[in-house]
Amino acid sequence: MNKLEMNKKLTILLNGQIITKQAYDVTNQTYDFLAAKLKKEPIENSEMFWVHLCIALTRIKKGEELEGPSREVVNDIYQTPYKEEIKEVIEYIKHQFHYELPKEEQDYFYLHLHGVIENNR
């Protein structure tokens, strides 16, 4: 997905008040960060991550909670060879967002980002 396509989808969510402007902005900044990190644009097979990120950031800001993936899935995703790269992306998101990211959300970010990085190597 290229940034223009992502923005079209996110604008629909923003206009429908499903996501916040801050979530929209942080997602755009994260797209640029990840594209530079991967040295690749468009970022293939990344649609689900961008939508999840925006909705997750909106949910966090509203104080809503989410049940994380099962323990088995969590154990598997933290075995990813991309662990350090994923940590960098999550730290970038935290820095831009200025809210604590619950572990459950981070677990889902790991799950999505593993696939995104794997598909863009």
C-alpha atoms as a PDB file:
ATOM      1  CA  MET A   1       0.000   0.000   0.000  1.00  0.00           C
ATOM      2  CA  ASN A   2       1.354   3.401  -0.861  1.00  0.00           C
ATOM      3  CA  LYS A   3       0.858   6.431   1.345  1.00  0.00           C
ATOM      4  CA  LEU A   4      -1.805   7.986  -0.888  1.00  0.00           C
ATOM      5  CA  GLU A   5      -3.919   4.803  -0.763  1.00  0.00           C
ATOM      6  CA  MET A   6      -3.474   4.615   3.003  1.00  0.00           C
ATOM      7  CA  ASN A   7      -4.542   8.231   3.413  1.00  0.00           C
ATOM      8  CA  LYS A   8      -7.681   7.677   1.343  1.00  0.00           C
ATOM      9  CA  LYS A   9      -8.737   4.835   3.661  1.00  0.00           C
ATOM     10  CA  LEU A  10      -7.781   6.700   6.824  1.00  0.00           C
ATOM     11  CA  THR A  11      -9.577   9.856   5.684  1.00  0.00           C
ATOM     12  CA  ILE A  12     -12.803   7.867   5.429  1.00  0.00           C
ATOM     13  CA  LEU A  13     -12.284   6.683   9.025  1.00  0.00           C
ATOM     14  CA  LEU A  14     -11.411  10.208  10.156  1.00  0.00           C
ATOM     15  CA  ASN A  15     -14.430  11.783   8.438  1.00  0.00           C
ATOM     16  CA  GLY A  16     -16.645   9.102   9.977  1.00  0.00           C
ATOM     17  CA  GLN A  17     -15.213   9.987  13.401  1.00  0.00           C
ATOM     18  CA  ILE A  18     -14.005   6.406  13.837  1.00  0.00           C
ATOM     19  CA  ILE A  19     -10.432   7.601  14.418  1.00  0.00           C
ATOM     20  CA  THR A  20      -8.968  10.779  15.866  1.00  0.00           C
ATOM     21  CA  LYS A  21      -6.875  13.345  14.035  1.00  0.00           C
ATOM     22  CA  GLN A  22      -3.968  12.465  16.325  1.00  0.00           C
ATOM     23  CA  ALA A  23      -4.260   8.776  15.372  1.00  0.00           C
ATOM     24  CA  TYR A  24      -4.342   9.792  11.698  1.00  0.00           C
ATOM     25  CA  ASP A  25      -1.240  11.966  12.097  1.00  0.00           C
ATOM     26  CA  VAL A  26       0.753   9.402  14.093  1.00  0.00           C
ATOM     27  CA  THR A  27      -0.093   6.721  11.538  1.00  0.00           C
ATOM     28  CA  ASN A  28       1.150   8.952   8.714  1.00  0.00           C
ATOM     29  CA  GLN A  29       4.374   9.678  10.576  1.00  0.00           C
ATOM     30  CA  THR A  30       4.827   5.975  11.299  1.00  0.00           C
ATOM     31  CA  TYR A  31       4.308   5.147   7.624  1.00  0.00           C
ATOM     32  CA  ASP A  32       7.139   7.513   6.703  1.00  0.00           C
ATOM     33  CA  PHE A  33       9.349   6.087   9.457  1.00  0.00           C
ATOM     34  CA  LEU A  34       8.746   2.475   8.399  1.00  0.00           C
ATOM     35  CA  ALA A  35       9.135   3.234   4.675  1.00  0.00           C
ATOM     36  CA  ALA A  36      12.501   4.864   5.387  1.00  0.00           C
ATOM     37  CA  LYS A  37      13.526   1.976   7.641  1.00  0.00           C
ATOM     38  CA  LEU A  38      12.596  -0.609   5.016  1.00  0.00           C
ATOM     39  CA  LYS A  39      13.902   1.614   2.205  1.00  0.00           C
ATOM     40  CA  LYS A  40      10.723   0.746   0.369  1.00  0.00           C
ATOM     41  CA  GLU A  41       7.546   2.443  -0.757  1.00  0.00           C
ATOM     42  CA  PRO A  42       4.887   1.262  -1.257  1.00  0.00           C
ATOM     43  CA  ILE A  43       4.866  -0.992   1.803  1.00  0.00           C
ATOM     44  CA  GLU A  44       3.246  -4.174   0.532  1.00  0.00           C
ATOM     45  CA  ASN A  45       0.587  -6.089   2.487  1.00  0.00           C
ATOM     46  CA  SER A  46       0.449  -3.455   5.214  1.00  0.00           C
ATOM     47  CA  GLU A  47      -3.195  -2.336   5.014  1.00  0.00           C
ATOM     48  CA  MET A  48      -4.336  -4.193   8.125  1.00  0.00           C
ATOM     49  CA  PHE A  49      -1.536  -2.733  10.237  1.00  0.00           C
ATOM     50  CA  TRP A  50      -2.335   0.889   9.336  1.00  0.00           C
ATOM     51  CA  VAL A  51      -6.040   0.500  10.037  1.00  0.00           C
ATOM     52  CA  HIS A  52      -5.362  -1.388  13.273  1.00  0.00           C
ATOM     53  CA  LEU A  53      -2.826   1.236  14.377  1.00  0.00           C
ATOM     54  CA  CYS A  54      -5.285   4.106  13.874  1.00  0.00           C
ATOM     55  CA  ILE A  55      -8.128   2.351  15.615  1.00  0.00           C
ATOM     56  CA  ALA A  56      -5.836   1.202  18.447  1.00  0.00           C
ATOM     57  CA  LEU A  57      -4.512   4.723  19.053  1.00  0.00           C
ATOM     58  CA  THR A  58      -8.061   6.069  19.107  1.00  0.00           C
ATOM     59  CA  ARG A  59      -9.120   3.307  21.509  1.00  0.00           C
ATOM     60  CA  ILE A  60      -6.167   4.052  23.822  1.00  0.00           C
ATOM     61  CA  LYS A  61      -6.921   7.780  23.876  1.00  0.00           C
ATOM     62  CA  LYS A  62     -10.541   7.012  24.800  1.00  0.00           C
ATOM     63  CA  GLY A  63      -9.378   4.723  27.618  1.00  0.00           C
ATOM     64  CA  GLU A  64     -10.927   1.633  26.050  1.00  0.00           C
ATOM     65  CA  GLU A  65      -9.316  -1.738  26.680  1.00  0.00           C
ATOM     66  CA  LEU A  66      -8.702  -4.661  24.380  1.00  0.00           C
ATOM     67  CA  GLU A  67      -8.132  -8.318  25.090  1.00  0.00           C
ATOM     68  CA  GLY A  68      -4.795  -9.336  23.627  1.00  0.00           C
ATOM     69  CA  PRO A  69      -4.029 -12.385  21.511  1.00  0.00           C
ATOM     70  CA  SER A  70      -3.772 -15.792  23.174  1.00  0.00           C
ATOM     71  CA  ARG A  71      -0.661 -16.702  25.170  1.00  0.00           C
ATOM     72  CA  GLU A  72       0.386 -19.178  22.457  1.00  0.00           C
ATOM     73  CA  VAL A  73       0.224 -16.510  19.765  1.00  0.00           C
ATOM     74  CA  VAL A  74       2.109 -14.046  21.971  1.00  0.00           C
ATOM     75  CA  ASN A  75       4.855 -16.612  22.623  1.00  0.00           C
ATOM     76  CA  ASP A  76       5.187 -17.200  18.882  1.00  0.00           C
ATOM     77  CA  ILE A  77       5.214 -13.547  17.829  1.00  0.00           C
ATOM     78  CA  TYR A  78       7.950 -12.625  20.282  1.00  0.00           C
ATOM     79  CA  GLN A  79      10.190 -15.223  18.617  1.00  0.00           C
ATOM     80  CA  THR A  80      10.233 -13.163  15.424  1.00  0.00           C
ATOM     81  CA  PRO A  81      13.628 -12.484  13.881  1.00  0.00           C
ATOM     82  CA  TYR A  82      12.443  -8.879  13.448  1.00  0.00           C
ATOM     83  CA  LYS A  83      12.031  -8.225  17.170  1.00  0.00           C
ATOM     84  CA  GLU A  84      14.506  -5.323  17.316  1.00  0.00           C
ATOM     85  CA  GLU A  85      13.057  -3.647  14.227  1.00  0.00           C
ATOM     86  CA  ILE A  86       9.542  -3.997  15.628  1.00  0.00           C
ATOM     87  CA  LYS A  87      10.650  -2.542  18.972  1.00  0.00           C
ATOM     88  CA  GLU A  88      12.035   0.494  17.125  1.00  0.00           C
ATOM     89  CA  VAL A  89       8.724   1.059  15.347  1.00  0.00           C
ATOM     90  CA  ILE A  90       6.762   0.705  18.597  1.00  0.00           C
ATOM     91  CA  GLU A  91       9.112   3.111  20.373  1.00  0.00           C
ATOM     92  CA  TYR A  92       8.647   5.559  17.513  1.00  0.00           C
ATOM     93  CA  ILE A  93       4.858   5.286  17.866  1.00  0.00           C
ATOM     94  CA  LYS A  94       5.100   5.831  21.638  1.00  0.00           C
ATOM     95  CA  HIS A  95       7.259   8.916  21.112  1.00  0.00           C
ATOM     96  CA  GLN A  96       4.834  10.416  18.595  1.00  0.00           C
ATOM     97  CA  PHE A  97       1.649   9.473  20.476  1.00  0.00           C
ATOM     98  CA  HIS A  98       2.586  10.537  24.039  1.00  0.00           C
ATOM     99  CA  TYR A  99       0.378   7.888  25.651  1.00  0.00           C
ATOM    100  CA  GLU A 100       1.360   4.564  27.156  1.00  0.00           C
ATOM    101  CA  LEU A 101       0.691   1.672  24.782  1.00  0.00           C
ATOM    102  CA  PRO A 102      -0.910  -1.248  26.638  1.00  0.00           C
ATOM    103  CA  LYS A 103       0.860  -4.587  26.272  1.00  0.00           C
ATOM    104  CA  GLU A 104      -2.189  -6.056  24.513  1.00  0.00           C
ATOM    105  CA  GLU A 105      -1.961  -3.425  21.778  1.00  0.00           C
ATOM    106  CA  GLN A 106       1.796  -3.894  21.486  1.00  0.00           C
ATOM    107  CA  ASP A 107       1.242  -7.637  21.079  1.00  0.00           C
ATOM    108  CA  TYR A 108      -1.042  -6.978  18.115  1.00  0.00           C
ATOM    109  CA  PHE A 109       1.487  -4.495  16.699  1.00  0.00           C
ATOM    110  CA  TYR A 110       4.134  -7.244  16.886  1.00  0.00           C
ATOM    111  CA  LEU A 111       1.810  -9.629  15.082  1.00  0.00           C
ATOM    112  CA  HIS A 112       1.058  -7.175  12.270  1.00  0.00           C
ATOM    113  CA  LEU A 113       4.565  -5.756  11.952  1.00  0.00           C
ATOM    114  CA  HIS A 114       6.163  -9.193  11.693  1.00  0.00           C
ATOM    115  CA  GLY A 115       4.079  -9.844   8.582  1.00  0.00           C
ATOM    116  CA  VAL A 116       4.688  -6.376   7.145  1.00  0.00           C
ATOM    117  CA  ILE A 117       8.469  -6.640   7.559  1.00  0.00           C
ATOM    118  CA  GLU A 118       8.532 -10.227   6.302  1.00  0.00           C
ATOM    119  CA  ASN A 119       6.615  -9.240   3.149  1.00  0.00           C
ATOM    120  CA  ASN A 120       8.846  -6.256   2.416  1.00  0.00           C
ATOM    121  CA  ARG A 121      12.322  -7.805   2.677  1.00  0.00           C
END
